[in-house]
Amino acid sequence: MARTVRLTSTGPHRIDPTTIAPGKMISICTCGLSQSYPLCDGSHRITKTEEQGVLYTYSADSKSVIAQCPDGACQPPASAPSDAIKPEPSAGPVPPIVGS
């Protein structure tokens, strides 16, 4: 199970620790589907049904699979469909974190 993720930022996303409530834990997204990337927003829940050996491409809102094929037997599109492009993270305040 793998997924195609298209990220367009060209630099780091800085997190100001003073914007996080003392004692509050934050989670970093490792699935690549979070709309609050690089922070986790719980979007990874959709990946629980992914099967080993399959490459998945999700819609830009991370709510549906728009393509899948055997991993290693296909190449991700050279240019992802416009609805699969993820927006760049904002440099604004840290959004609330949704538990996983």
PDB file of N, CA and C in Angstrom:
ATOM      1  N   MET A   1       0.845  -1.179   0.000  1.00  0.00           N
ATOM      2  CA  MET A   1       0.000   0.000   0.000  1.00  0.00           C
ATOM      3  C   MET A   1       0.883   1.233   0.000  1.00  0.00           C
ATOM      4  N   ALA A   2       0.668   2.031  -0.971  1.00  0.00           N
ATOM      5  CA  ALA A   2       1.405   3.278  -1.123  1.00  0.00           C
ATOM      6  C   ALA A   2       0.442   4.285  -1.724  1.00  0.00           C
ATOM      7  N   ARG A   3       0.797   5.560  -1.654  1.00  0.00           N
ATOM      8  CA  ARG A   3      -0.076   6.570  -2.253  1.00  0.00           C
ATOM      9  C   ARG A   3       0.763   7.634  -2.920  1.00  0.00           C
ATOM     10  N   THR A   4       0.195   8.196  -3.994  1.00  0.00           N
ATOM     11  CA  THR A   4       0.822   9.291  -4.705  1.00  0.00           C
ATOM     12  C   THR A   4       0.410  10.583  -4.026  1.00  0.00           C
ATOM     13  N   VAL A   5       1.392  11.400  -3.654  1.00  0.00           N
ATOM     14  CA  VAL A   5       1.116  12.686  -3.021  1.00  0.00           C
ATOM     15  C   VAL A   5       1.923  13.729  -3.769  1.00  0.00           C
ATOM     16  N   ARG A   6       1.277  14.806  -4.141  1.00  0.00           N
ATOM     17  CA  ARG A   6       1.984  15.881  -4.842  1.00  0.00           C
ATOM     18  C   ARG A   6       2.054  17.095  -3.930  1.00  0.00           C
ATOM     19  N   LEU A   7       3.259  17.440  -3.543  1.00  0.00           N
ATOM     20  CA  LEU A   7       3.484  18.607  -2.696  1.00  0.00           C
ATOM     21  C   LEU A   7       4.196  19.656  -3.532  1.00  0.00           C
ATOM     22  N   THR A   8       3.810  20.908  -3.380  1.00  0.00           N
ATOM     23  CA  THR A   8       4.372  21.952  -4.221  1.00  0.00           C
ATOM     24  C   THR A   8       5.222  22.966  -3.470  1.00  0.00           C
ATOM     25  N   SER A   9       5.314  22.873  -2.162  1.00  0.00           N
ATOM     26  CA  SER A   9       6.111  23.864  -1.451  1.00  0.00           C
ATOM     27  C   SER A   9       7.588  23.642  -1.749  1.00  0.00           C
ATOM     28  N   THR A  10       8.350  24.710  -1.661  1.00  0.00           N
ATOM     29  CA  THR A  10       9.776  24.632  -1.964  1.00  0.00           C
ATOM     30  C   THR A  10      10.640  25.000  -0.766  1.00  0.00           C
ATOM     31  N   GLY A  11      10.012  25.072   0.387  1.00  0.00           N
ATOM     32  CA  GLY A  11      10.760  25.420   1.584  1.00  0.00           C
ATOM     33  C   GLY A  11      10.100  24.827   2.813  1.00  0.00           C
ATOM     34  N   PRO A  12      10.689  25.069   3.965  1.00  0.00           N
ATOM     35  CA  PRO A  12      10.160  24.497   5.200  1.00  0.00           C
ATOM     36  C   PRO A  12       8.863  25.187   5.642  1.00  0.00           C
ATOM     37  N   HIS A  13       8.111  24.478   6.420  1.00  0.00           N
ATOM     38  CA  HIS A  13       6.924  25.046   7.067  1.00  0.00           C
ATOM     39  C   HIS A  13       7.288  25.207   8.536  1.00  0.00           C
ATOM     40  N   ARG A  14       7.445  26.410   8.956  1.00  0.00           N
ATOM     41  CA  ARG A  14       7.878  26.663  10.334  1.00  0.00           C
ATOM     42  C   ARG A  14       6.673  26.667  11.268  1.00  0.00           C
ATOM     43  N   ILE A  15       6.864  26.038  12.417  1.00  0.00           N
ATOM     44  CA  ILE A  15       5.824  26.005  13.445  1.00  0.00           C
ATOM     45  C   ILE A  15       6.344  26.783  14.636  1.00  0.00           C
ATOM     46  N   ASP A  16       5.626  27.841  14.980  1.00  0.00           N
ATOM     47  CA  ASP A  16       6.002  28.674  16.112  1.00  0.00           C
ATOM     48  C   ASP A  16       5.490  28.002  17.391  1.00  0.00           C
ATOM     49  N   PRO A  17       6.389  27.514  18.252  1.00  0.00           N
ATOM     50  CA  PRO A  17       5.949  26.793  19.445  1.00  0.00           C
ATOM     51  C   PRO A  17       5.103  27.645  20.393  1.00  0.00           C
ATOM     52  N   THR A  18       5.187  28.957  20.281  1.00  0.00           N
ATOM     53  CA  THR A  18       4.378  29.802  21.168  1.00  0.00           C
ATOM     54  C   THR A  18       2.905  29.789  20.770  1.00  0.00           C
ATOM     55  N   THR A  19       2.584  29.256  19.568  1.00  0.00           N
ATOM     56  CA  THR A  19       1.182  29.178  19.144  1.00  0.00           C
ATOM     57  C   THR A  19       0.519  27.872  19.573  1.00  0.00           C
ATOM     58  N   ILE A  20       1.287  26.998  20.223  1.00  0.00           N
ATOM     59  CA  ILE A  20       0.760  25.717  20.691  1.00  0.00           C
ATOM     60  C   ILE A  20       0.527  25.820  22.194  1.00  0.00           C
ATOM     61  N   ALA A  21      -0.661  25.435  22.613  1.00  0.00           N
ATOM     62  CA  ALA A  21      -0.998  25.501  24.044  1.00  0.00           C
ATOM     63  C   ALA A  21      -0.023  24.627  24.844  1.00  0.00           C
ATOM     64  N   PRO A  22       0.435  25.126  25.998  1.00  0.00           N
ATOM     65  CA  PRO A  22       1.352  24.346  26.832  1.00  0.00           C
ATOM     66  C   PRO A  22       0.749  22.970  27.145  1.00  0.00           C
ATOM     67  N   GLY A  23       1.556  21.938  27.017  1.00  0.00           N
ATOM     68  CA  GLY A  23       1.115  20.586  27.308  1.00  0.00           C
ATOM     69  C   GLY A  23       0.318  19.937  26.183  1.00  0.00           C
ATOM     70  N   LYS A  24       0.012  20.677  25.125  1.00  0.00           N
ATOM     71  CA  LYS A  24      -0.757  20.133  23.994  1.00  0.00           C
ATOM     72  C   LYS A  24       0.184  19.380  23.072  1.00  0.00           C
ATOM     73  N   MET A  25      -0.204  18.179  22.691  1.00  0.00           N
ATOM     74  CA  MET A  25       0.599  17.405  21.752  1.00  0.00           C
ATOM     75  C   MET A  25       0.130  17.727  20.343  1.00  0.00           C
ATOM     76  N   ILE A  26       1.062  17.722  19.412  1.00  0.00           N
ATOM     77  CA  ILE A  26       0.696  17.876  18.008  1.00  0.00           C
ATOM     78  C   ILE A  26       1.127  16.605  17.293  1.00  0.00           C
ATOM     79  N   SER A  27       0.458  16.309  16.193  1.00  0.00           N
ATOM     80  CA  SER A  27       0.807  15.136  15.398  1.00  0.00           C
ATOM     81  C   SER A  27       1.223  15.598  14.010  1.00  0.00           C
ATOM     82  N   ILE A  28       2.307  15.034  13.514  1.00  0.00           N
ATOM     83  CA  ILE A  28       2.812  15.353  12.188  1.00  0.00           C
ATOM     84  C   ILE A  28       2.242  14.339  11.207  1.00  0.00           C
ATOM     85  N   CYS A  29       1.763  14.819  10.067  1.00  0.00           N
ATOM     86  CA  CYS A  29       1.176  13.956   9.040  1.00  0.00           C
ATOM     87  C   CYS A  29       2.266  13.095   8.405  1.00  0.00           C
ATOM     88  N   THR A  30       2.034  11.793   8.349  1.00  0.00           N
ATOM     89  CA  THR A  30       2.950  10.906   7.644  1.00  0.00           C
ATOM     90  C   THR A  30       2.264  10.209   6.475  1.00  0.00           C
ATOM     91  N   CYS A  31       0.946  10.421   6.311  1.00  0.00           N
ATOM     92  CA  CYS A  31       0.242   9.787   5.186  1.00  0.00           C
ATOM     93  C   CYS A  31       0.251  10.677   3.950  1.00  0.00           C
ATOM     94  N   GLY A  32       0.466  11.992   4.118  1.00  0.00           N
ATOM     95  CA  GLY A  32       0.502  12.921   2.995  1.00  0.00           C
ATOM     96  C   GLY A  32      -0.859  13.417   2.550  1.00  0.00           C
ATOM     97  N   LEU A  33      -1.924  13.067   3.252  1.00  0.00           N
ATOM     98  CA  LEU A  33      -3.271  13.436   2.828  1.00  0.00           C
ATOM     99  C   LEU A  33      -3.876  14.595   3.616  1.00  0.00           C
ATOM    100  N   SER A  34      -3.229  15.041   4.674  1.00  0.00           N
ATOM    101  CA  SER A  34      -3.790  16.074   5.542  1.00  0.00           C
ATOM    102  C   SER A  34      -4.014  17.398   4.824  1.00  0.00           C
ATOM    103  N   GLN A  35      -5.171  17.994   5.018  1.00  0.00           N
ATOM    104  CA  GLN A  35      -5.446  19.328   4.497  1.00  0.00           C
ATOM    105  C   GLN A  35      -4.743  20.385   5.354  1.00  0.00           C
ATOM    106  N   SER A  36      -4.220  19.967   6.510  1.00  0.00           N
ATOM    107  CA  SER A  36      -3.476  20.862   7.407  1.00  0.00           C
ATOM    108  C   SER A  36      -1.989  20.532   7.377  1.00  0.00           C
ATOM    109  N   TYR A  37      -1.522  19.873   6.308  1.00  0.00           N
ATOM    110  CA  TYR A  37      -0.143  19.440   6.191  1.00  0.00           C
ATOM    111  C   TYR A  37       0.810  20.588   6.505  1.00  0.00           C
ATOM    112  N   PRO A  38       1.803  20.417   7.338  1.00  0.00           N
ATOM    113  CA  PRO A  38       2.394  19.158   7.782  1.00  0.00           C
ATOM    114  C   PRO A  38       1.770  18.571   9.041  1.00  0.00           C
ATOM    115  N   LEU A  39       0.698  19.171   9.532  1.00  0.00           N
ATOM    116  CA  LEU A  39       0.054  18.657  10.730  1.00  0.00           C
ATOM    117  C   LEU A  39      -1.029  17.645  10.368  1.00  0.00           C
ATOM    118  N   CYS A  40      -1.217  16.671  11.222  1.00  0.00           N
ATOM    119  CA  CYS A  40      -2.224  15.633  11.013  1.00  0.00           C
ATOM    120  C   CYS A  40      -3.619  16.203  11.270  1.00  0.00           C
ATOM    121  N   ASP A  41      -4.555  15.867  10.380  1.00  0.00           N
ATOM    122  CA  ASP A  41      -5.954  16.260  10.604  1.00  0.00           C
ATOM    123  C   ASP A  41      -6.880  15.047  10.619  1.00  0.00           C
ATOM    124  N   GLY A  42      -6.319  13.860  10.655  1.00  0.00           N
ATOM    125  CA  GLY A  42      -7.114  12.640  10.707  1.00  0.00           C
ATOM    126  C   GLY A  42      -7.447  12.062   9.340  1.00  0.00           C
ATOM    127  N   SER A  43      -6.979  12.698   8.264  1.00  0.00           N
ATOM    128  CA  SER A  43      -7.278  12.214   6.915  1.00  0.00           C
ATOM    129  C   SER A  43      -6.759  10.801   6.670  1.00  0.00           C
ATOM    130  N   HIS A  44      -5.784  10.366   7.454  1.00  0.00           N
ATOM    131  CA  HIS A  44      -5.207   9.031   7.279  1.00  0.00           C
ATOM    132  C   HIS A  44      -6.227   7.914   7.499  1.00  0.00           C
ATOM    133  N   ARG A  45      -7.353   8.222   8.115  1.00  0.00           N
ATOM    134  CA  ARG A  45      -8.353   7.181   8.389  1.00  0.00           C
ATOM    135  C   ARG A  45      -8.799   6.481   7.108  1.00  0.00           C
ATOM    136  N   ILE A  46      -8.853   7.220   5.990  1.00  0.00           N
ATOM    137  CA  ILE A  46      -9.283   6.626   4.724  1.00  0.00           C
ATOM    138  C   ILE A  46      -8.309   5.553   4.236  1.00  0.00           C
ATOM    139  N   THR A  47      -7.073   5.581   4.723  1.00  0.00           N
ATOM    140  CA  THR A  47      -6.067   4.625   4.249  1.00  0.00           C
ATOM    141  C   THR A  47      -6.204   3.253   4.905  1.00  0.00           C
ATOM    142  N   LYS A  48      -7.057   3.110   5.889  1.00  0.00           N
ATOM    143  CA  LYS A  48      -7.193   1.830   6.597  1.00  0.00           C
ATOM    144  C   LYS A  48      -7.651   0.699   5.680  1.00  0.00           C
ATOM    145  N   THR A  49      -8.287   1.032   4.544  1.00  0.00           N
ATOM    146  CA  THR A  49      -8.750  -0.004   3.616  1.00  0.00           C
ATOM    147  C   THR A  49      -7.770  -0.244   2.468  1.00  0.00           C
ATOM    148  N   GLU A  50      -6.634   0.464   2.469  1.00  0.00           N
ATOM    149  CA  GLU A  50      -5.635   0.238   1.427  1.00  0.00           C
ATOM    150  C   GLU A  50      -5.083  -1.179   1.524  1.00  0.00           C
ATOM    151  N   GLU A  51      -4.828  -1.765   0.366  1.00  0.00           N
ATOM    152  CA  GLU A  51      -4.289  -3.120   0.313  1.00  0.00           C
ATOM    153  C   GLU A  51      -2.796  -3.083  -0.010  1.00  0.00           C
ATOM    154  N   GLN A  52      -2.049  -4.036   0.545  1.00  0.00           N
ATOM    155  CA  GLN A  52      -0.628  -4.171   0.236  1.00  0.00           C
ATOM    156  C   GLN A  52      -0.455  -4.361  -1.263  1.00  0.00           C
ATOM    157  N   GLY A  53       0.568  -3.779  -1.843  1.00  0.00           N
ATOM    158  CA  GLY A  53       0.891  -3.979  -3.241  1.00  0.00           C
ATOM    159  C   GLY A  53       0.085  -3.141  -4.217  1.00  0.00           C
ATOM    160  N   VAL A  54      -0.676  -2.164  -3.709  1.00  0.00           N
ATOM    161  CA  VAL A  54      -1.487  -1.301  -4.565  1.00  0.00           C
ATOM    162  C   VAL A  54      -1.043   0.146  -4.357  1.00  0.00           C
ATOM    163  N   LEU A  55      -0.925   0.894  -5.467  1.00  0.00           N
ATOM    164  CA  LEU A  55      -0.592   2.314  -5.420  1.00  0.00           C
ATOM    165  C   LEU A  55      -1.886   3.104  -5.567  1.00  0.00           C
ATOM    166  N   TYR A  56      -2.167   4.007  -4.626  1.00  0.00           N
ATOM    167  CA  TYR A  56      -3.399   4.782  -4.602  1.00  0.00           C
ATOM    168  C   TYR A  56      -3.123   6.255  -4.905  1.00  0.00           C
ATOM    169  N   THR A  57      -4.048   6.892  -5.614  1.00  0.00           N
ATOM    170  CA  THR A  57      -4.025   8.339  -5.817  1.00  0.00           C
ATOM    171  C   THR A  57      -5.354   8.864  -5.301  1.00  0.00           C
ATOM    172  N   TYR A  58      -5.279   9.848  -4.417  1.00  0.00           N
ATOM    173  CA  TYR A  58      -6.475  10.406  -3.788  1.00  0.00           C
ATOM    174  C   TYR A  58      -6.832  11.759  -4.394  1.00  0.00           C
ATOM    175  N   SER A  59      -8.100  12.136  -4.259  1.00  0.00           N
ATOM    176  CA  SER A  59      -8.567  13.453  -4.692  1.00  0.00           C
ATOM    177  C   SER A  59      -7.910  14.524  -3.826  1.00  0.00           C
ATOM    178  N   ALA A  60      -7.957  15.772  -4.264  1.00  0.00           N
ATOM    179  CA  ALA A  60      -7.322  16.872  -3.532  1.00  0.00           C
ATOM    180  C   ALA A  60      -7.904  17.036  -2.132  1.00  0.00           C
ATOM    181  N   ASP A  61      -9.177  16.687  -1.949  1.00  0.00           N
ATOM    182  CA  ASP A  61      -9.771  16.806  -0.614  1.00  0.00           C
ATOM    183  C   ASP A  61      -9.505  15.571   0.244  1.00  0.00           C
ATOM    184  N   SER A  62      -8.760  14.606  -0.294  1.00  0.00           N
ATOM    185  CA  SER A  62      -8.351  13.386   0.415  1.00  0.00           C
ATOM    186  C   SER A  62      -9.530  12.522   0.839  1.00  0.00           C
ATOM    187  N   LYS A  63     -10.678  12.684   0.194  1.00  0.00           N
ATOM    188  CA  LYS A  63     -11.863  11.942   0.605  1.00  0.00           C
ATOM    189  C   LYS A  63     -12.199  10.770  -0.305  1.00  0.00           C
ATOM    190  N   SER A  64     -11.528  10.669  -1.449  1.00  0.00           N
ATOM    191  CA  SER A  64     -11.844   9.556  -2.342  1.00  0.00           C
ATOM    192  C   SER A  64     -10.620   9.149  -3.154  1.00  0.00           C
ATOM    193  N   VAL A  65     -10.586   7.873  -3.513  1.00  0.00           N
ATOM    194  CA  VAL A  65      -9.524   7.343  -4.369  1.00  0.00           C
ATOM    195  C   VAL A  65      -9.912   7.659  -5.803  1.00  0.00           C
ATOM    196  N   ILE A  66      -9.010   8.320  -6.556  1.00  0.00           N
ATOM    197  CA  ILE A  66      -9.318   8.634  -7.949  1.00  0.00           C
ATOM    198  C   ILE A  66      -8.569   7.717  -8.910  1.00  0.00           C
ATOM    199  N   ALA A  67      -7.600   6.950  -8.404  1.00  0.00           N
ATOM    200  CA  ALA A  67      -6.888   5.984  -9.242  1.00  0.00           C
ATOM    201  C   ALA A  67      -6.193   4.977  -8.340  1.00  0.00           C
ATOM    202  N   GLN A  68      -6.064   3.768  -8.846  1.00  0.00           N
ATOM    203  CA  GLN A  68      -5.273   2.751  -8.147  1.00  0.00           C
ATOM    204  C   GLN A  68      -4.791   1.733  -9.162  1.00  0.00           C
ATOM    205  N   CYS A  69      -3.610   1.176  -8.893  1.00  0.00           N
ATOM    206  CA  CYS A  69      -3.041   0.165  -9.780  1.00  0.00           C
ATOM    207  C   CYS A  69      -2.028  -0.628  -8.967  1.00  0.00           C
ATOM    208  N   PRO A  70      -1.607  -1.783  -9.476  1.00  0.00           N
ATOM    209  CA  PRO A  70      -0.604  -2.563  -8.750  1.00  0.00           C
ATOM    210  C   PRO A  70       0.676  -1.727  -8.559  1.00  0.00           C
ATOM    211  N   ASP A  71       1.185  -1.658  -7.348  1.00  0.00           N
ATOM    212  CA  ASP A  71       2.392  -0.900  -7.060  1.00  0.00           C
ATOM    213  C   ASP A  71       3.563  -1.520  -7.814  1.00  0.00           C
ATOM    214  N   GLY A  72       4.305  -0.700  -8.540  1.00  0.00           N
ATOM    215  CA  GLY A  72       5.438  -1.166  -9.311  1.00  0.00           C
ATOM    216  C   GLY A  72       5.067  -1.513 -10.741  1.00  0.00           C
ATOM    217  N   ALA A  73       3.766  -1.691 -11.012  1.00  0.00           N
ATOM    218  CA  ALA A  73       3.326  -2.046 -12.367  1.00  0.00           C
ATOM    219  C   ALA A  73       2.819  -0.825 -13.121  1.00  0.00           C
ATOM    220  N   CYS A  74       2.768   0.292 -12.463  1.00  0.00           N
ATOM    221  CA  CYS A  74       2.300   1.514 -13.122  1.00  0.00           C
ATOM    222  C   CYS A  74       3.163   2.684 -12.644  1.00  0.00           C
ATOM    223  N   GLN A  75       3.134   3.727 -13.395  1.00  0.00           N
ATOM    224  CA  GLN A  75       3.855   4.934 -13.032  1.00  0.00           C
ATOM    225  C   GLN A  75       2.838   5.992 -12.643  1.00  0.00           C
ATOM    226  N   PRO A  76       3.092   6.763 -11.579  1.00  0.00           N
ATOM    227  CA  PRO A  76       2.193   7.864 -11.266  1.00  0.00           C
ATOM    228  C   PRO A  76       2.137   8.802 -12.460  1.00  0.00           C
ATOM    229  N   PRO A  77       1.008   9.470 -12.685  1.00  0.00           N
ATOM    230  CA  PRO A  77       0.922  10.386 -13.820  1.00  0.00           C
ATOM    231  C   PRO A  77       2.018  11.443 -13.752  1.00  0.00           C
ATOM    232  N   ALA A  78       2.594  11.790 -14.903  1.00  0.00           N
ATOM    233  CA  ALA A  78       3.644  12.819 -14.948  1.00  0.00           C
ATOM    234  C   ALA A  78       3.094  14.122 -14.392  1.00  0.00           C
ATOM    235  N   SER A  79       1.855  14.375 -14.644  1.00  0.00           N
ATOM    236  CA  SER A  79       1.183  15.551 -14.119  1.00  0.00           C
ATOM    237  C   SER A  79      -0.099  15.069 -13.475  1.00  0.00           C
ATOM    238  N   ALA A  80      -0.194  15.188 -12.165  1.00  0.00           N
ATOM    239  CA  ALA A  80      -1.378  14.711 -11.458  1.00  0.00           C
ATOM    240  C   ALA A  80      -2.610  15.490 -11.902  1.00  0.00           C
ATOM    241  N   PRO A  81      -3.780  14.843 -11.910  1.00  0.00           N
ATOM    242  CA  PRO A  81      -4.998  15.575 -12.259  1.00  0.00           C
ATOM    243  C   PRO A  81      -5.142  16.799 -11.357  1.00  0.00           C
ATOM    244  N   SER A  82      -5.742  17.851 -11.864  1.00  0.00           N
ATOM    245  CA  SER A  82      -5.836  19.092 -11.085  1.00  0.00           C
ATOM    246  C   SER A  82      -6.537  18.872  -9.765  1.00  0.00           C
ATOM    247  N   ASP A  83      -7.438  17.904  -9.678  1.00  0.00           N
ATOM    248  CA  ASP A  83      -8.113  17.710  -8.403  1.00  0.00           C
ATOM    249  C   ASP A  83      -7.275  16.884  -7.433  1.00  0.00           C
ATOM    250  N   ALA A  84      -6.077  16.435  -7.862  1.00  0.00           N
ATOM    251  CA  ALA A  84      -5.194  15.709  -6.962  1.00  0.00           C
ATOM    252  C   ALA A  84      -4.060  16.589  -6.443  1.00  0.00           C
ATOM    253  N   ILE A  85      -4.032  17.854  -6.834  1.00  0.00           N
ATOM    254  CA  ILE A  85      -2.970  18.757  -6.389  1.00  0.00           C
ATOM    255  C   ILE A  85      -3.311  19.285  -5.006  1.00  0.00           C
ATOM    256  N   LYS A  86      -2.383  19.143  -4.084  1.00  0.00           N
ATOM    257  CA  LYS A  86      -2.611  19.615  -2.724  1.00  0.00           C
ATOM    258  C   LYS A  86      -2.152  21.063  -2.606  1.00  0.00           C
ATOM    259  N   PRO A  87      -2.916  21.876  -1.895  1.00  0.00           N
ATOM    260  CA  PRO A  87      -2.509  23.265  -1.715  1.00  0.00           C
ATOM    261  C   PRO A  87      -1.277  23.355  -0.825  1.00  0.00           C
ATOM    262  N   GLU A  88      -0.516  24.407  -1.015  1.00  0.00           N
ATOM    263  CA  GLU A  88       0.631  24.618  -0.139  1.00  0.00           C
ATOM    264  C   GLU A  88       0.131  24.980   1.244  1.00  0.00           C
ATOM    265  N   PRO A  89       0.848  24.544   2.294  1.00  0.00           N
ATOM    266  CA  PRO A  89       0.423  24.907   3.636  1.00  0.00           C
ATOM    267  C   PRO A  89       0.566  26.403   3.855  1.00  0.00           C
ATOM    268  N   SER A  90      -0.312  26.948   4.654  1.00  0.00           N
ATOM    269  CA  SER A  90      -0.231  28.377   4.942  1.00  0.00           C
ATOM    270  C   SER A  90       0.830  28.601   6.017  1.00  0.00           C
ATOM    271  N   ALA A  91       1.300  29.802   6.104  1.00  0.00           N
ATOM    272  CA  ALA A  91       2.291  30.135   7.132  1.00  0.00           C
ATOM    273  C   ALA A  91       1.592  30.739   8.343  1.00  0.00           C
ATOM    274  N   GLY A  92       0.266  30.642   8.392  1.00  0.00           N
ATOM    275  CA  GLY A  92      -0.529  31.233   9.461  1.00  0.00           C
ATOM    276  C   GLY A  92      -0.417  30.426  10.743  1.00  0.00           C
ATOM    277  N   PRO A  93      -1.318  30.728  11.686  1.00  0.00           N
ATOM    278  CA  PRO A  93      -1.286  30.053  12.978  1.00  0.00           C
ATOM    279  C   PRO A  93      -1.534  28.555  12.825  1.00  0.00           C
ATOM    280  N   VAL A  94      -1.068  27.789  13.781  1.00  0.00           N
ATOM    281  CA  VAL A  94      -1.214  26.345  13.763  1.00  0.00           C
ATOM    282  C   VAL A  94      -2.695  26.013  13.936  1.00  0.00           C
ATOM    283  N   PRO A  95      -3.276  25.209  13.013  1.00  0.00           N
ATOM    284  CA  PRO A  95      -4.686  24.847  13.149  1.00  0.00           C
ATOM    285  C   PRO A  95      -4.880  23.842  14.268  1.00  0.00           C
ATOM    286  N   PRO A  96      -6.118  23.689  14.752  1.00  0.00           N
ATOM    287  CA  PRO A  96      -6.361  22.694  15.802  1.00  0.00           C
ATOM    288  C   PRO A  96      -6.044  21.304  15.262  1.00  0.00           C
ATOM    289  N   ILE A  97      -5.596  20.445  16.140  1.00  0.00           N
ATOM    290  CA  ILE A  97      -5.228  19.094  15.757  1.00  0.00           C
ATOM    291  C   ILE A  97      -6.385  18.149  16.065  1.00  0.00           C
ATOM    292  N   VAL A  98      -6.730  17.335  15.074  1.00  0.00           N
ATOM    293  CA  VAL A  98      -7.776  16.334  15.265  1.00  0.00           C
ATOM    294  C   VAL A  98      -7.106  15.044  15.666  1.00  0.00           C
ATOM    295  N   GLY A  99      -7.589  14.402  16.708  1.00  0.00           N
ATOM    296  CA  GLY A  99      -6.986  13.166  17.184  1.00  0.00           C
ATOM    297  C   GLY A  99      -7.055  12.081  16.145  1.00  0.00           C
ATOM    298  N   SER A 100      -6.116  11.142  16.207  1.00  0.00           N
ATOM    299  CA  SER A 100      -6.092  10.063  15.215  1.00  0.00           C
ATOM    300  C   SER A 100      -6.890   8.885  15.679  1.00  0.00           C
TER     301      SER A 100
END
